[in-house]
Amino acid sequence: MGAEVDDVIGPLSTRETIAVALAFGRLDLLPEDYADFREAWQRLDTRQRRLVDTVARAPWRRG
């Protein structure tokens, strides 16, 4: 599965990768330089933080 994830995440920018990882609770996908949640969160701009919050709270995420 790791290679598949790398193939999908690879083309994303650092901020996009962080946003995806945080939105879906996949801290294992954070770039090495931002492996800490707080550092990763600070890397995002306001718009990206709102998107992460929206996805994290989405009804379909509650499974």
PDB file of N, CA and C in Angstrom:
ATOM      1  N   MET A   1       0.817  -1.193   0.000  1.00  0.00           N
ATOM      2  CA  MET A   1       0.000   0.000   0.000  1.00  0.00           C
ATOM      3  C   MET A   1       0.863   1.259   0.000  1.00  0.00           C
ATOM      4  N   GLY A   2       2.019   1.245   0.632  1.00  0.00           N
ATOM      5  CA  GLY A   2       2.874   2.413   0.717  1.00  0.00           C
ATOM      6  C   GLY A   2       3.257   2.980  -0.627  1.00  0.00           C
ATOM      7  N   ALA A   3       3.610   2.106  -1.561  1.00  0.00           N
ATOM      8  CA  ALA A   3       3.995   2.576  -2.892  1.00  0.00           C
ATOM      9  C   ALA A   3       2.820   3.251  -3.580  1.00  0.00           C
ATOM     10  N   GLU A   4       1.626   2.721  -3.408  1.00  0.00           N
ATOM     11  CA  GLU A   4       0.440   3.327  -4.013  1.00  0.00           C
ATOM     12  C   GLU A   4       0.193   4.717  -3.436  1.00  0.00           C
ATOM     13  N   VAL A   5       0.319   4.863  -2.142  1.00  0.00           N
ATOM     14  CA  VAL A   5       0.123   6.158  -1.500  1.00  0.00           C
ATOM     15  C   VAL A   5       1.170   7.138  -1.995  1.00  0.00           C
ATOM     16  N   ASP A   6       2.419   6.715  -2.073  1.00  0.00           N
ATOM     17  CA  ASP A   6       3.485   7.588  -2.559  1.00  0.00           C
ATOM     18  C   ASP A   6       3.218   8.049  -3.979  1.00  0.00           C
ATOM     19  N   ASP A   7       2.682   7.171  -4.815  1.00  0.00           N
ATOM     20  CA  ASP A   7       2.370   7.535  -6.194  1.00  0.00           C
ATOM     21  C   ASP A   7       1.301   8.621  -6.253  1.00  0.00           C
ATOM     22  N   VAL A   8       0.346   8.563  -5.355  1.00  0.00           N
ATOM     23  CA  VAL A   8      -0.747   9.539  -5.354  1.00  0.00           C
ATOM     24  C   VAL A   8      -0.318  10.841  -4.692  1.00  0.00           C
ATOM     25  N   ILE A   9       0.376  10.755  -3.585  1.00  0.00           N
ATOM     26  CA  ILE A   9       0.796  11.934  -2.828  1.00  0.00           C
ATOM     27  C   ILE A   9       1.958  12.650  -3.511  1.00  0.00           C
ATOM     28  N   GLY A  10       2.818  11.913  -4.185  1.00  0.00           N
ATOM     29  CA  GLY A  10       4.026  12.459  -4.787  1.00  0.00           C
ATOM     30  C   GLY A  10       3.860  13.755  -5.551  1.00  0.00           C
ATOM     31  N   PRO A  11       2.858  13.873  -6.445  1.00  0.00           N
ATOM     32  CA  PRO A  11       2.727  15.095  -7.242  1.00  0.00           C
ATOM     33  C   PRO A  11       2.205  16.313  -6.473  1.00  0.00           C
ATOM     34  N   LEU A  12       1.763  16.137  -5.243  1.00  0.00           N
ATOM     35  CA  LEU A  12       1.209  17.244  -4.477  1.00  0.00           C
ATOM     36  C   LEU A  12       2.310  18.124  -3.902  1.00  0.00           C
ATOM     37  N   SER A  13       1.981  19.393  -3.690  1.00  0.00           N
ATOM     38  CA  SER A  13       2.916  20.296  -3.023  1.00  0.00           C
ATOM     39  C   SER A  13       3.012  19.899  -1.550  1.00  0.00           C
ATOM     40  N   THR A  14       3.973  20.466  -0.848  1.00  0.00           N
ATOM     41  CA  THR A  14       4.127  20.176   0.572  1.00  0.00           C
ATOM     42  C   THR A  14       2.862  20.550   1.338  1.00  0.00           C
ATOM     43  N   ARG A  15       2.324  21.726   1.073  1.00  0.00           N
ATOM     44  CA  ARG A  15       1.112  22.162   1.772  1.00  0.00           C
ATOM     45  C   ARG A  15      -0.079  21.274   1.436  1.00  0.00           C
ATOM     46  N   GLU A  16      -0.201  20.873   0.189  1.00  0.00           N
ATOM     47  CA  GLU A  16      -1.302  19.986  -0.205  1.00  0.00           C
ATOM     48  C   GLU A  16      -1.182  18.632   0.485  1.00  0.00           C
ATOM     49  N   THR A  17       0.035  18.113   0.555  1.00  0.00           N
ATOM     50  CA  THR A  17       0.269  16.837   1.232  1.00  0.00           C
ATOM     51  C   THR A  17      -0.108  16.933   2.706  1.00  0.00           C
ATOM     52  N   ILE A  18       0.289  18.024   3.347  1.00  0.00           N
ATOM     53  CA  ILE A  18      -0.047  18.236   4.751  1.00  0.00           C
ATOM     54  C   ILE A  18      -1.558  18.317   4.931  1.00  0.00           C
ATOM     55  N   ALA A  19      -2.225  19.060   4.071  1.00  0.00           N
ATOM     56  CA  ALA A  19      -3.680  19.209   4.174  1.00  0.00           C
ATOM     57  C   ALA A  19      -4.385  17.863   4.048  1.00  0.00           C
ATOM     58  N   VAL A  20      -3.978  17.053   3.096  1.00  0.00           N
ATOM     59  CA  VAL A  20      -4.584  15.725   2.916  1.00  0.00           C
ATOM     60  C   VAL A  20      -4.335  14.862   4.151  1.00  0.00           C
ATOM     61  N   ALA A  21      -3.098  14.846   4.622  1.00  0.00           N
ATOM     62  CA  ALA A  21      -2.753  14.022   5.781  1.00  0.00           C
ATOM     63  C   ALA A  21      -3.561  14.422   7.014  1.00  0.00           C
ATOM     64  N   LEU A  22      -3.657  15.726   7.277  1.00  0.00           N
ATOM     65  CA  LEU A  22      -4.386  16.182   8.459  1.00  0.00           C
ATOM     66  C   LEU A  22      -5.889  15.983   8.313  1.00  0.00           C
ATOM     67  N   ALA A  23      -6.420  16.245   7.144  1.00  0.00           N
ATOM     68  CA  ALA A  23      -7.865  16.109   6.932  1.00  0.00           C
ATOM     69  C   ALA A  23      -8.340  14.681   7.145  1.00  0.00           C
ATOM     70  N   PHE A  24      -7.502  13.729   6.774  1.00  0.00           N
ATOM     71  CA  PHE A  24      -7.905  12.326   6.876  1.00  0.00           C
ATOM     72  C   PHE A  24      -7.254  11.600   8.053  1.00  0.00           C
ATOM     73  N   GLY A  25      -6.628  12.374   8.944  1.00  0.00           N
ATOM     74  CA  GLY A  25      -6.045  11.774  10.138  1.00  0.00           C
ATOM     75  C   GLY A  25      -4.913  10.812   9.843  1.00  0.00           C
ATOM     76  N   ARG A  26      -4.181  11.063   8.770  1.00  0.00           N
ATOM     77  CA  ARG A  26      -3.088  10.179   8.358  1.00  0.00           C
ATOM     78  C   ARG A  26      -1.749  10.873   8.606  1.00  0.00           C
ATOM     79  N   LEU A  27      -1.382  10.991   9.871  1.00  0.00           N
ATOM     80  CA  LEU A  27      -0.136  11.659  10.217  1.00  0.00           C
ATOM     81  C   LEU A  27       1.074  10.945   9.634  1.00  0.00           C
ATOM     82  N   ASP A  28       0.916   9.668   9.303  1.00  0.00           N
ATOM     83  CA  ASP A  28       2.010   8.919   8.680  1.00  0.00           C
ATOM     84  C   ASP A  28       2.317   9.440   7.274  1.00  0.00           C
ATOM     85  N   LEU A  29       1.420  10.221   6.689  1.00  0.00           N
ATOM     86  CA  LEU A  29       1.644  10.772   5.351  1.00  0.00           C
ATOM     87  C   LEU A  29       2.308  12.146   5.375  1.00  0.00           C
ATOM     88  N   LEU A  30       2.497  12.709   6.570  1.00  0.00           N
ATOM     89  CA  LEU A  30       3.132  14.023   6.652  1.00  0.00           C
ATOM     90  C   LEU A  30       4.573  13.962   6.151  1.00  0.00           C
ATOM     91  N   PRO A  31       5.027  15.018   5.467  1.00  0.00           N
ATOM     92  CA  PRO A  31       6.432  15.077   5.046  1.00  0.00           C
ATOM     93  C   PRO A  31       7.346  15.030   6.272  1.00  0.00           C
ATOM     94  N   GLU A  32       8.532  14.483   6.116  1.00  0.00           N
ATOM     95  CA  GLU A  32       9.461  14.321   7.245  1.00  0.00           C
ATOM     96  C   GLU A  32       9.731  15.631   7.976  1.00  0.00           C
ATOM     97  N   ASP A  33       9.825  16.731   7.249  1.00  0.00           N
ATOM     98  CA  ASP A  33      10.110  18.024   7.873  1.00  0.00           C
ATOM     99  C   ASP A  33       8.950  18.552   8.712  1.00  0.00           C
ATOM    100  N   TYR A  34       7.786  17.959   8.553  1.00  0.00           N
ATOM    101  CA  TYR A  34       6.588  18.410   9.263  1.00  0.00           C
ATOM    102  C   TYR A  34       5.887  17.244   9.946  1.00  0.00           C
ATOM    103  N   ALA A  35       6.645  16.345  10.535  1.00  0.00           N
ATOM    104  CA  ALA A  35       6.095  15.132  11.140  1.00  0.00           C
ATOM    105  C   ALA A  35       5.287  15.427  12.407  1.00  0.00           C
ATOM    106  N   ASP A  36       5.478  16.584  12.999  1.00  0.00           N
ATOM    107  CA  ASP A  36       4.740  16.993  14.184  1.00  0.00           C
ATOM    108  C   ASP A  36       3.468  17.732  13.752  1.00  0.00           C
ATOM    109  N   PHE A  37       2.327  17.380  14.348  1.00  0.00           N
ATOM    110  CA  PHE A  37       1.045  17.991  13.968  1.00  0.00           C
ATOM    111  C   PHE A  37       1.115  19.512  14.014  1.00  0.00           C
ATOM    112  N   ARG A  38       1.646  20.042  15.081  1.00  0.00           N
ATOM    113  CA  ARG A  38       1.682  21.502  15.255  1.00  0.00           C
ATOM    114  C   ARG A  38       2.503  22.179  14.163  1.00  0.00           C
ATOM    115  N   GLU A  39       3.660  21.628  13.836  1.00  0.00           N
ATOM    116  CA  GLU A  39       4.487  22.192  12.759  1.00  0.00           C
ATOM    117  C   GLU A  39       3.753  22.121  11.429  1.00  0.00           C
ATOM    118  N   ALA A  40       3.092  21.000  11.187  1.00  0.00           N
ATOM    119  CA  ALA A  40       2.358  20.822   9.934  1.00  0.00           C
ATOM    120  C   ALA A  40       1.209  21.824   9.851  1.00  0.00           C
ATOM    121  N   TRP A  41       0.454  21.976  10.930  1.00  0.00           N
ATOM    122  CA  TRP A  41      -0.685  22.891  10.949  1.00  0.00           C
ATOM    123  C   TRP A  41      -0.224  24.326  10.674  1.00  0.00           C
ATOM    124  N   GLN A  42       0.895  24.720  11.264  1.00  0.00           N
ATOM    125  CA  GLN A  42       1.407  26.078  11.077  1.00  0.00           C
ATOM    126  C   GLN A  42       1.858  26.334   9.641  1.00  0.00           C
ATOM    127  N   ARG A  43       2.184  25.303   8.914  1.00  0.00           N
ATOM    128  CA  ARG A  43       2.608  25.433   7.518  1.00  0.00           C
ATOM    129  C   ARG A  43       1.436  25.805   6.602  1.00  0.00           C
ATOM    130  N   LEU A  44       0.208  25.467   7.016  1.00  0.00           N
ATOM    131  CA  LEU A  44      -0.969  25.725   6.189  1.00  0.00           C
ATOM    132  C   LEU A  44      -1.430  27.174   6.311  1.00  0.00           C
ATOM    133  N   ASP A  45      -1.996  27.698   5.219  1.00  0.00           N
ATOM    134  CA  ASP A  45      -2.593  29.031   5.286  1.00  0.00           C
ATOM    135  C   ASP A  45      -4.032  28.905   5.794  1.00  0.00           C
ATOM    136  N   THR A  46      -4.691  30.031   5.991  1.00  0.00           N
ATOM    137  CA  THR A  46      -6.043  30.038   6.560  1.00  0.00           C
ATOM    138  C   THR A  46      -7.020  29.226   5.719  1.00  0.00           C
ATOM    139  N   ARG A  47      -6.975  29.383   4.417  1.00  0.00           N
ATOM    140  CA  ARG A  47      -7.881  28.651   3.524  1.00  0.00           C
ATOM    141  C   ARG A  47      -7.685  27.147   3.654  1.00  0.00           C
ATOM    142  N   GLN A  48      -6.436  26.712   3.686  1.00  0.00           N
ATOM    143  CA  GLN A  48      -6.143  25.282   3.800  1.00  0.00           C
ATOM    144  C   GLN A  48      -6.581  24.742   5.157  1.00  0.00           C
ATOM    145  N   ARG A  49      -6.422  25.526   6.202  1.00  0.00           N
ATOM    146  CA  ARG A  49      -6.872  25.095   7.530  1.00  0.00           C
ATOM    147  C   ARG A  49      -8.384  24.915   7.560  1.00  0.00           C
ATOM    148  N   ARG A  50      -9.108  25.816   6.912  1.00  0.00           N
ATOM    149  CA  ARG A  50     -10.570  25.685   6.841  1.00  0.00           C
ATOM    150  C   ARG A  50     -10.963  24.423   6.091  1.00  0.00           C
ATOM    151  N   LEU A  51     -10.260  24.136   5.001  1.00  0.00           N
ATOM    152  CA  LEU A  51     -10.552  22.922   4.233  1.00  0.00           C
ATOM    153  C   LEU A  51     -10.311  21.670   5.072  1.00  0.00           C
ATOM    154  N   VAL A  52      -9.206  21.657   5.812  1.00  0.00           N
ATOM    155  CA  VAL A  52      -8.908  20.514   6.684  1.00  0.00           C
ATOM    156  C   VAL A  52     -10.024  20.349   7.713  1.00  0.00           C
ATOM    157  N   ASP A  53     -10.432  21.442   8.347  1.00  0.00           N
ATOM    158  CA  ASP A  53     -11.514  21.380   9.337  1.00  0.00           C
ATOM    159  C   ASP A  53     -12.811  20.872   8.718  1.00  0.00           C
ATOM    160  N   THR A  54     -13.135  21.353   7.522  1.00  0.00           N
ATOM    161  CA  THR A  54     -14.368  20.943   6.845  1.00  0.00           C
ATOM    162  C   THR A  54     -14.374  19.452   6.560  1.00  0.00           C
ATOM    163  N   VAL A  55     -13.284  18.946   6.026  1.00  0.00           N
ATOM    164  CA  VAL A  55     -13.207  17.514   5.709  1.00  0.00           C
ATOM    165  C   VAL A  55     -13.215  16.687   6.986  1.00  0.00           C
ATOM    166  N   ALA A  56     -12.459  17.114   7.985  1.00  0.00           N
ATOM    167  CA  ALA A  56     -12.375  16.355   9.237  1.00  0.00           C
ATOM    168  C   ALA A  56     -13.729  16.248   9.936  1.00  0.00           C
ATOM    169  N   ARG A  57     -14.605  17.229   9.732  1.00  0.00           N
ATOM    170  CA  ARG A  57     -15.917  17.235  10.393  1.00  0.00           C
ATOM    171  C   ARG A  57     -17.053  16.758   9.489  1.00  0.00           C
ATOM    172  N   ALA A  58     -16.743  16.363   8.282  1.00  0.00           N
ATOM    173  CA  ALA A  58     -17.772  15.964   7.317  1.00  0.00           C
ATOM    174  C   ALA A  58     -18.558  14.754   7.824  1.00  0.00           C
ATOM    175  N   PRO A  59     -19.875  14.764   7.617  1.00  0.00           N
ATOM    176  CA  PRO A  59     -20.718  13.657   8.087  1.00  0.00           C
ATOM    177  C   PRO A  59     -20.297  12.301   7.528  1.00  0.00           C
ATOM    178  N   TRP A  60     -19.844  12.251   6.298  1.00  0.00           N
ATOM    179  CA  TRP A  60     -19.454  10.973   5.698  1.00  0.00           C
ATOM    180  C   TRP A  60     -18.199  10.400   6.335  1.00  0.00           C
ATOM    181  N   ARG A  61     -17.461  11.206   7.088  1.00  0.00           N
ATOM    182  CA  ARG A  61     -16.259  10.719   7.772  1.00  0.00           C
ATOM    183  C   ARG A  61     -16.605   9.925   9.021  1.00  0.00           C
ATOM    184  N   ARG A  62     -17.797  10.075   9.523  1.00  0.00           N
ATOM    185  CA  ARG A  62     -18.180   9.417  10.778  1.00  0.00           C
ATOM    186  C   ARG A  62     -18.470   7.945  10.603  1.00  0.00           C
ATOM    187  N   GLY A  63     -18.515   7.504   9.352  1.00  0.00           N
ATOM    188  CA  GLY A  63     -18.643   6.116   8.982  1.00  0.00           C
ATOM    189  C   GLY A  63     -19.725   5.349   9.577  1.00  0.00           C
TER     190      GLY A  63
END
